PDB file of N, CA and C in Angstrom:
ATOM      1  N   MET A   1       2.464 -13.899   0.269  1.00  0.00           N
ATOM      2  CA  MET A   1       2.851 -14.753   1.356  1.00  0.00           C
ATOM      3  C   MET A   1       2.457 -14.127   2.690  1.00  0.00           C
ATOM      4  N   TYR A   2       2.613 -12.821   2.802  1.00  0.00           N
ATOM      5  CA  TYR A   2       2.273 -12.165   4.065  1.00  0.00           C
ATOM      6  C   TYR A   2       0.780 -12.236   4.336  1.00  0.00           C
ATOM      7  N   VAL A   3      -0.027 -12.122   3.293  1.00  0.00           N
ATOM      8  CA  VAL A   3      -1.477 -12.188   3.481  1.00  0.00           C
ATOM      9  C   VAL A   3      -1.880 -13.594   3.916  1.00  0.00           C
ATOM     10  N   THR A   4      -1.322 -14.593   3.272  1.00  0.00           N
ATOM     11  CA  THR A   4      -1.645 -15.980   3.613  1.00  0.00           C
ATOM     12  C   THR A   4      -1.224 -16.301   5.041  1.00  0.00           C
ATOM     13  N   GLU A   5      -0.038 -15.868   5.417  1.00  0.00           N
ATOM     14  CA  GLU A   5       0.474 -16.156   6.755  1.00  0.00           C
ATOM     15  C   GLU A   5      -0.184 -15.320   7.850  1.00  0.00           C
ATOM     16  N   SER A   6      -0.851 -14.231   7.478  1.00  0.00           N
ATOM     17  CA  SER A   6      -1.481 -13.396   8.501  1.00  0.00           C
ATOM     18  C   SER A   6      -2.853 -13.902   8.908  1.00  0.00           C
ATOM     19  N   ALA A   7      -3.383 -14.878   8.205  1.00  0.00           N
ATOM     20  CA  ALA A   7      -4.672 -15.450   8.585  1.00  0.00           C
ATOM     21  C   ALA A   7      -4.517 -16.220   9.892  1.00  0.00           C
ATOM     22  N   PRO A   8      -5.425 -16.003  10.854  1.00  0.00           N
ATOM     23  CA  PRO A   8      -5.289 -16.682  12.144  1.00  0.00           C
ATOM     24  C   PRO A   8      -5.433 -18.201  12.055  1.00  0.00           C
ATOM     25  N   ASN A   9      -6.256 -18.682  11.123  1.00  0.00           N
ATOM     26  CA  ASN A   9      -6.398 -20.127  10.913  1.00  0.00           C
ATOM     27  C   ASN A   9      -6.844 -20.379   9.479  1.00  0.00           C
ATOM     28  N   ARG A  10      -6.891 -21.624   9.077  1.00  0.00           N
ATOM     29  CA  ARG A  10      -7.241 -21.975   7.698  1.00  0.00           C
ATOM     30  C   ARG A  10      -8.692 -21.621   7.372  1.00  0.00           C
ATOM     31  N   ASN A  11      -9.566 -21.619   8.366  1.00  0.00           N
ATOM     32  CA  ASN A  11     -10.974 -21.310   8.112  1.00  0.00           C
ATOM     33  C   ASN A  11     -11.186 -19.853   7.727  1.00  0.00           C
ATOM     34  N   SER A  12     -10.337 -18.962   8.191  1.00  0.00           N
ATOM     35  CA  SER A  12     -10.496 -17.542   7.890  1.00  0.00           C
ATOM     36  C   SER A  12      -9.551 -17.061   6.787  1.00  0.00           C
ATOM     37  N   LEU A  13      -8.911 -17.974   6.088  1.00  0.00           N
ATOM     38  CA  LEU A  13      -7.980 -17.608   5.025  1.00  0.00           C
ATOM     39  C   LEU A  13      -8.690 -16.882   3.884  1.00  0.00           C
ATOM     40  N   GLY A  14      -9.873 -17.339   3.513  1.00  0.00           N
ATOM     41  CA  GLY A  14     -10.628 -16.696   2.439  1.00  0.00           C
ATOM     42  C   GLY A  14     -11.034 -15.277   2.794  1.00  0.00           C
ATOM     43  N   ALA A  15     -11.484 -15.078   4.026  1.00  0.00           N
ATOM     44  CA  ALA A  15     -11.880 -13.732   4.458  1.00  0.00           C
ATOM     45  C   ALA A  15     -10.674 -12.799   4.517  1.00  0.00           C
ATOM     46  N   THR A  16      -9.544 -13.307   4.974  1.00  0.00           N
ATOM     47  CA  THR A  16      -8.336 -12.485   5.034  1.00  0.00           C
ATOM     48  C   THR A  16      -7.873 -12.097   3.644  1.00  0.00           C
ATOM     49  N   ASN A  17      -7.890 -13.044   2.723  1.00  0.00           N
ATOM     50  CA  ASN A  17      -7.493 -12.765   1.345  1.00  0.00           C
ATOM     51  C   ASN A  17      -8.479 -11.793   0.691  1.00  0.00           C
ATOM     52  N   GLY A  18      -9.766 -11.957   0.946  1.00  0.00           N
ATOM     53  CA  GLY A  18     -10.770 -11.055   0.394  1.00  0.00           C
ATOM     54  C   GLY A  18     -10.605  -9.634   0.897  1.00  0.00           C
ATOM     55  N   LEU A  19     -10.308  -9.491   2.180  1.00  0.00           N
ATOM     56  CA  LEU A  19     -10.082  -8.164   2.752  1.00  0.00           C
ATOM     57  C   LEU A  19      -8.852  -7.498   2.135  1.00  0.00           C
ATOM     58  N   ALA A  20      -7.805  -8.268   1.921  1.00  0.00           N
ATOM     59  CA  ALA A  20      -6.592  -7.730   1.296  1.00  0.00           C
ATOM     60  C   ALA A  20      -6.872  -7.306  -0.151  1.00  0.00           C
ATOM     61  N   GLN A  21      -7.635  -8.114  -0.881  1.00  0.00           N
ATOM     62  CA  GLN A  21      -7.965  -7.777  -2.261  1.00  0.00           C
ATOM     63  C   GLN A  21      -8.861  -6.547  -2.340  1.00  0.00           C
ATOM     64  N   ALA A  22      -9.813  -6.431  -1.415  1.00  0.00           N
ATOM     65  CA  ALA A  22     -10.695  -5.265  -1.398  1.00  0.00           C
ATOM     66  C   ALA A  22      -9.917  -3.999  -1.094  1.00  0.00           C
ATOM     67  N   THR A  23      -8.984  -4.084  -0.153  1.00  0.00           N
ATOM     68  CA  THR A  23      -8.154  -2.931   0.180  1.00  0.00           C
ATOM     69  C   THR A  23      -7.297  -2.510  -1.010  1.00  0.00           C
ATOM     70  N   ALA A  24      -6.717  -3.476  -1.708  1.00  0.00           N
ATOM     71  CA  ALA A  24      -5.910  -3.164  -2.891  1.00  0.00           C
ATOM     72  C   ALA A  24      -6.766  -2.556  -3.998  1.00  0.00           C
ATOM     73  N   SER A  25      -7.993  -3.034  -4.156  1.00  0.00           N
ATOM     74  CA  SER A  25      -8.880  -2.491  -5.182  1.00  0.00           C
ATOM     75  C   SER A  25      -9.270  -1.052  -4.885  1.00  0.00           C
ATOM     76  N   VAL A  26      -9.522  -0.742  -3.626  1.00  0.00           N
ATOM     77  CA  VAL A  26      -9.852   0.643  -3.251  1.00  0.00           C
ATOM     78  C   VAL A  26      -8.654   1.551  -3.527  1.00  0.00           C
ATOM     79  N   ALA A  27      -7.469   1.083  -3.212  1.00  0.00           N
ATOM     80  CA  ALA A  27      -6.267   1.887  -3.478  1.00  0.00           C
ATOM     81  C   ALA A  27      -6.081   2.108  -4.973  1.00  0.00           C
ATOM     82  N   ARG A  28      -6.366   1.082  -5.782  1.00  0.00           N
ATOM     83  CA  ARG A  28      -6.240   1.234  -7.229  1.00  0.00           C
ATOM     84  C   ARG A  28      -7.305   2.157  -7.801  1.00  0.00           C
ATOM     85  N   ALA A  29      -8.449   2.237  -7.161  1.00  0.00           N
ATOM     86  CA  ALA A  29      -9.506   3.127  -7.624  1.00  0.00           C
ATOM     87  C   ALA A  29      -9.223   4.577  -7.250  1.00  0.00           C
ATOM     88  N   ILE A  30      -8.676   4.797  -6.072  1.00  0.00           N
ATOM     89  CA  ILE A  30      -8.424   6.150  -5.586  1.00  0.00           C
ATOM     90  C   ILE A  30      -7.127   6.718  -6.160  1.00  0.00           C
ATOM     91  N   GLY A  31      -6.152   5.886  -6.428  1.00  0.00           N
ATOM     92  CA  GLY A  31      -4.828   6.324  -6.863  1.00  0.00           C
ATOM     93  C   GLY A  31      -4.818   7.237  -8.085  1.00  0.00           C
ATOM     94  N   PRO A  32      -5.424   6.844  -9.187  1.00  0.00           N
ATOM     95  CA  PRO A  32      -5.399   7.726 -10.368  1.00  0.00           C
ATOM     96  C   PRO A  32      -6.083   9.073 -10.139  1.00  0.00           C
ATOM     97  N   ALA A  33      -7.210   9.073  -9.453  1.00  0.00           N
ATOM     98  CA  ALA A  33      -7.909  10.336  -9.186  1.00  0.00           C
ATOM     99  C   ALA A  33      -7.072  11.227  -8.266  1.00  0.00           C
ATOM    100  N   LEU A  34      -6.449  10.641  -7.273  1.00  0.00           N
ATOM    101  CA  LEU A  34      -5.617  11.417  -6.351  1.00  0.00           C
ATOM    102  C   LEU A  34      -4.396  11.995  -7.053  1.00  0.00           C
ATOM    103  N   SER A  35      -3.723  11.183  -7.867  1.00  0.00           N
ATOM    104  CA  SER A  35      -2.526  11.682  -8.544  1.00  0.00           C
ATOM    105  C   SER A  35      -2.872  12.753  -9.572  1.00  0.00           C
ATOM    106  N   THR A  36      -3.986  12.598 -10.275  1.00  0.00           N
ATOM    107  CA  THR A  36      -4.404  13.614 -11.236  1.00  0.00           C
ATOM    108  C   THR A  36      -4.773  14.911 -10.534  1.00  0.00           C
ATOM    109  N   SER A  37      -5.459  14.803  -9.406  1.00  0.00           N
ATOM    110  CA  SER A  37      -5.816  16.001  -8.641  1.00  0.00           C
ATOM    111  C   SER A  37      -4.577  16.697  -8.085  1.00  0.00           C
ATOM    112  N   LEU A  38      -3.615  15.917  -7.606  1.00  0.00           N
ATOM    113  CA  LEU A  38      -2.365  16.505  -7.112  1.00  0.00           C
ATOM    114  C   LEU A  38      -1.590  17.181  -8.236  1.00  0.00           C
ATOM    115  N   TYR A  39      -1.616  16.582  -9.413  1.00  0.00           N
ATOM    116  CA  TYR A  39      -0.935  17.181 -10.563  1.00  0.00           C
ATOM    117  C   TYR A  39      -1.578  18.523 -10.922  1.00  0.00           C
ATOM    118  N   SER A  40      -2.903  18.537 -10.961  1.00  0.00           N
ATOM    119  CA  SER A  40      -3.629  19.769 -11.265  1.00  0.00           C
ATOM    120  C   SER A  40      -3.354  20.847 -10.219  1.00  0.00           C
ATOM    121  N   LEU A  41      -3.360  20.461  -8.952  1.00  0.00           N
ATOM    122  CA  LEU A  41      -3.103  21.415  -7.872  1.00  0.00           C
ATOM    123  C   LEU A  41      -1.683  21.969  -7.943  1.00  0.00           C
ATOM    124  N   SER A  42      -0.710  21.121  -8.250  1.00  0.00           N
ATOM    125  CA  SER A  42       0.671  21.597  -8.307  1.00  0.00           C
ATOM    126  C   SER A  42       0.884  22.539  -9.490  1.00  0.00           C
ATOM    127  N   ILE A  43       0.183  22.328 -10.595  1.00  0.00           N
ATOM    128  CA  ILE A  43       0.276  23.242 -11.733  1.00  0.00           C
ATOM    129  C   ILE A  43      -0.437  24.553 -11.411  1.00  0.00           C
ATOM    130  N   GLN A  44      -1.651  24.432 -10.849  1.00  0.00           N
ATOM    131  CA  GLN A  44      -2.469  25.609 -10.565  1.00  0.00           C
ATOM    132  C   GLN A  44      -1.827  26.513  -9.510  1.00  0.00           C
ATOM    133  N   GLU A  45      -1.283  25.924  -8.459  1.00  0.00           N
ATOM    134  CA  GLU A  45      -0.689  26.697  -7.372  1.00  0.00           C
ATOM    135  C   GLU A  45       0.819  26.909  -7.549  1.00  0.00           C
ATOM    136  N   ASN A  46       1.373  26.366  -8.625  1.00  0.00           N
ATOM    137  CA  ASN A  46       2.796  26.469  -8.940  1.00  0.00           C
ATOM    138  C   ASN A  46       3.662  25.954  -7.783  1.00  0.00           C
ATOM    139  N   LEU A  47       3.305  24.791  -7.273  1.00  0.00           N
ATOM    140  CA  LEU A  47       4.070  24.161  -6.194  1.00  0.00           C
ATOM    141  C   LEU A  47       5.343  23.558  -6.771  1.00  0.00           C
ATOM    142  N   VAL A  48       6.474  23.958  -6.252  1.00  0.00           N
ATOM    143  CA  VAL A  48       7.796  23.486  -6.697  1.00  0.00           C
ATOM    144  C   VAL A  48       7.914  23.636  -8.223  1.00  0.00           C
ATOM    145  N   GLY A  49       7.479  24.751  -8.709  1.00  0.00           N
ATOM    146  CA  GLY A  49       7.564  25.017 -10.143  1.00  0.00           C
ATOM    147  C   GLY A  49       6.621  24.165 -10.972  1.00  0.00           C
ATOM    148  N   GLY A  50       5.552  23.681 -10.373  1.00  0.00           N
ATOM    149  CA  GLY A  50       4.608  22.813 -11.069  1.00  0.00           C
ATOM    150  C   GLY A  50       4.924  21.343 -10.919  1.00  0.00           C
ATOM    151  N   TYR A  51       6.014  21.030 -10.255  1.00  0.00           N
ATOM    152  CA  TYR A  51       6.430  19.638 -10.065  1.00  0.00           C
ATOM    153  C   TYR A  51       6.173  19.137  -8.650  1.00  0.00           C
ATOM    154  N   GLY A  52       5.294  19.793  -7.928  1.00  0.00           N
ATOM    155  CA  GLY A  52       4.992  19.416  -6.547  1.00  0.00           C
ATOM    156  C   GLY A  52       4.411  18.031  -6.421  1.00  0.00           C
ATOM    157  N   VAL A  53       3.663  17.602  -7.436  1.00  0.00           N
ATOM    158  CA  VAL A  53       3.065  16.271  -7.392  1.00  0.00           C
ATOM    159  C   VAL A  53       4.146  15.195  -7.305  1.00  0.00           C
ATOM    160  N   TYR A  54       5.260  15.408  -8.011  1.00  0.00           N
ATOM    161  CA  TYR A  54       6.331  14.416  -7.995  1.00  0.00           C
ATOM    162  C   TYR A  54       7.030  14.375  -6.643  1.00  0.00           C
ATOM    163  N   THR A  55       7.132  15.517  -5.999  1.00  0.00           N
ATOM    164  CA  THR A  55       7.714  15.574  -4.661  1.00  0.00           C
ATOM    165  C   THR A  55       6.839  14.819  -3.671  1.00  0.00           C
ATOM    166  N   ILE A  56       5.534  15.028  -3.754  1.00  0.00           N
ATOM    167  CA  ILE A  56       4.591  14.352  -2.846  1.00  0.00           C
ATOM    168  C   ILE A  56       4.592  12.847  -3.092  1.00  0.00           C
ATOM    169  N   LEU A  57       4.517  12.440  -4.362  1.00  0.00           N
ATOM    170  CA  LEU A  57       4.477  11.007  -4.663  1.00  0.00           C
ATOM    171  C   LEU A  57       5.807  10.320  -4.337  1.00  0.00           C
ATOM    172  N   ALA A  58       6.922  11.017  -4.529  1.00  0.00           N
ATOM    173  CA  ALA A  58       8.220  10.438  -4.145  1.00  0.00           C
ATOM    174  C   ALA A  58       8.301  10.278  -2.635  1.00  0.00           C
ATOM    175  N   SER A  59       7.761  11.239  -1.898  1.00  0.00           N
ATOM    176  CA  SER A  59       7.745  11.130  -0.434  1.00  0.00           C
ATOM    177  C   SER A  59       6.900   9.949   0.020  1.00  0.00           C
ATOM    178  N   LEU A  60       5.748   9.764  -0.621  1.00  0.00           N
ATOM    179  CA  LEU A  60       4.907   8.611  -0.286  1.00  0.00           C
ATOM    180  C   LEU A  60       5.609   7.293  -0.611  1.00  0.00           C
ATOM    181  N   SER A  61       6.384   7.276  -1.685  1.00  0.00           N
ATOM    182  CA  SER A  61       7.138   6.069  -2.039  1.00  0.00           C
ATOM    183  C   SER A  61       8.209   5.759  -1.008  1.00  0.00           C
ATOM    184  N   VAL A  62       8.883   6.779  -0.521  1.00  0.00           N
ATOM    185  CA  VAL A  62       9.909   6.579   0.512  1.00  0.00           C
ATOM    186  C   VAL A  62       9.272   6.044   1.789  1.00  0.00           C
ATOM    187  N   ILE A  63       8.111   6.572   2.157  1.00  0.00           N
ATOM    188  CA  ILE A  63       7.405   6.086   3.345  1.00  0.00           C
ATOM    189  C   ILE A  63       6.993   4.629   3.150  1.00  0.00           C
ATOM    190  N   ALA A  64       6.502   4.282   1.961  1.00  0.00           N
ATOM    191  CA  ALA A  64       6.112   2.899   1.688  1.00  0.00           C
ATOM    192  C   ALA A  64       7.314   1.960   1.758  1.00  0.00           C
ATOM    193  N   LEU A  65       8.453   2.393   1.242  1.00  0.00           N
ATOM    194  CA  LEU A  65       9.663   1.570   1.328  1.00  0.00           C
ATOM    195  C   LEU A  65      10.109   1.380   2.771  1.00  0.00           C
ATOM    196  N   TYR A  66      10.012   2.436   3.566  1.00  0.00           N
ATOM    197  CA  TYR A  66      10.365   2.328   4.979  1.00  0.00           C
ATOM    198  C   TYR A  66       9.468   1.310   5.681  1.00  0.00           C
ATOM    199  N   LEU A  67       8.172   1.361   5.392  1.00  0.00           N
ATOM    200  CA  LEU A  67       7.248   0.395   5.999  1.00  0.00           C
ATOM    201  C   LEU A  67       7.511  -1.022   5.510  1.00  0.00           C
ATOM    202  N   ALA A  68       7.897  -1.178   4.251  1.00  0.00           N
ATOM    203  CA  ALA A  68       8.197  -2.507   3.716  1.00  0.00           C
ATOM    204  C   ALA A  68       9.438  -3.097   4.373  1.00  0.00           C
ATOM    205  N   ILE A  69      10.394  -2.259   4.707  1.00  0.00           N
ATOM    206  CA  ILE A  69      11.608  -2.739   5.378  1.00  0.00           C
ATOM    207  C   ILE A  69      11.280  -3.277   6.772  1.00  0.00           C
ATOM    208  N   GLN A  70      10.228  -2.764   7.383  1.00  0.00           N
ATOM    209  CA  GLN A  70       9.848  -3.190   8.730  1.00  0.00           C
ATOM    210  C   GLN A  70       9.218  -4.583   8.767  1.00  0.00           C
ATOM    211  N   LEU A  71       8.831  -5.117   7.615  1.00  0.00           N
ATOM    212  CA  LEU A  71       8.243  -6.456   7.580  1.00  0.00           C
ATOM    213  C   LEU A  71       9.290  -7.494   7.985  1.00  0.00           C
ATOM    214  N   PRO A  72       8.859  -8.564   8.659  1.00  0.00           N
ATOM    215  CA  PRO A  72       9.836  -9.578   9.079  1.00  0.00           C
ATOM    216  C   PRO A  72      10.423 -10.315   7.882  1.00  0.00           C
ATOM    217  N   LYS A  73      11.685 -10.685   7.997  1.00  0.00           N
ATOM    218  CA  LYS A  73      12.351 -11.386   6.904  1.00  0.00           C
ATOM    219  C   LYS A  73      11.943 -12.851   6.827  1.00  0.00           C
ATOM    220  N   LYS A  74      11.573 -13.422   7.958  1.00  0.00           N
ATOM    221  CA  LYS A  74      11.191 -14.836   7.982  1.00  0.00           C
ATOM    222  C   LYS A  74       9.757 -14.935   8.487  1.00  0.00           C
ATOM    223  N   LEU A  75       8.940 -15.650   7.729  1.00  0.00           N
ATOM    224  CA  LEU A  75       7.555 -15.857   8.126  1.00  0.00           C
ATOM    225  C   LEU A  75       7.454 -17.091   9.001  1.00  0.00           C
ATOM    226  N   TRP A  76       6.579 -17.030  10.005  1.00  0.00           N
ATOM    227  CA  TRP A  76       6.382 -18.216  10.815  1.00  0.00           C
ATOM    228  C   TRP A  76       5.538 -19.190  10.033  1.00  0.00           C
ATOM    229  N   SER A  77       5.770 -20.460  10.242  1.00  0.00           N
ATOM    230  CA  SER A  77       5.064 -21.471   9.464  1.00  0.00           C
ATOM    231  C   SER A  77       3.985 -22.129  10.316  1.00  0.00           C
ATOM    232  N   ARG A  78       3.080 -22.773   9.661  1.00  0.00           N
ATOM    233  CA  ARG A  78       1.991 -23.481  10.339  1.00  0.00           C
ATOM    234  C   ARG A  78       2.533 -24.683  11.131  1.00  0.00           C
ATOM    235  N   ALA A  79       3.668 -25.249  10.707  1.00  0.00           N
ATOM    236  CA  ALA A  79       4.229 -26.381  11.416  1.00  0.00           C
ATOM    237  C   ALA A  79       4.699 -25.983  12.817  1.00  0.00           C
ATOM    238  N   GLU A  80       5.191 -24.761  12.971  1.00  0.00           N
ATOM    239  CA  GLU A  80       5.627 -24.297  14.292  1.00  0.00           C
ATOM    240  C   GLU A  80       4.445 -24.127  15.223  1.00  0.00           C
ATOM    241  N   GLU A  81       3.268 -23.854  14.656  1.00  0.00           N
ATOM    242  CA  GLU A  81       2.065 -23.613  15.444  1.00  0.00           C
ATOM    243  C   GLU A  81       1.539 -24.900  16.071  1.00  0.00           C
ATOM    244  N   ASP A  82       1.701 -26.014  15.373  1.00  0.00           N
ATOM    245  CA  ASP A  82       1.138 -27.291  15.843  1.00  0.00           C
ATOM    246  C   ASP A  82       1.946 -27.955  16.911  1.00  0.00           C
TER     247      ASP A  82
END
């Protein structure tokens, strides 16, 4: 809903949706490699007893939740625009 409502007009809805999908795909491609590398680094360097990767990923999750809370609860509608 946020992606659809963030498009400036109906003509650019496809481009906005495509950009959102491309961004999500890049995150899905980088995520496994990043988490595996962090796991290897935490074992190799003995970060937090080898569990450093979980500390880092939990911190990133808390930051993501904080950012999600900042989203508006009510989306503006196209009817208000007209």
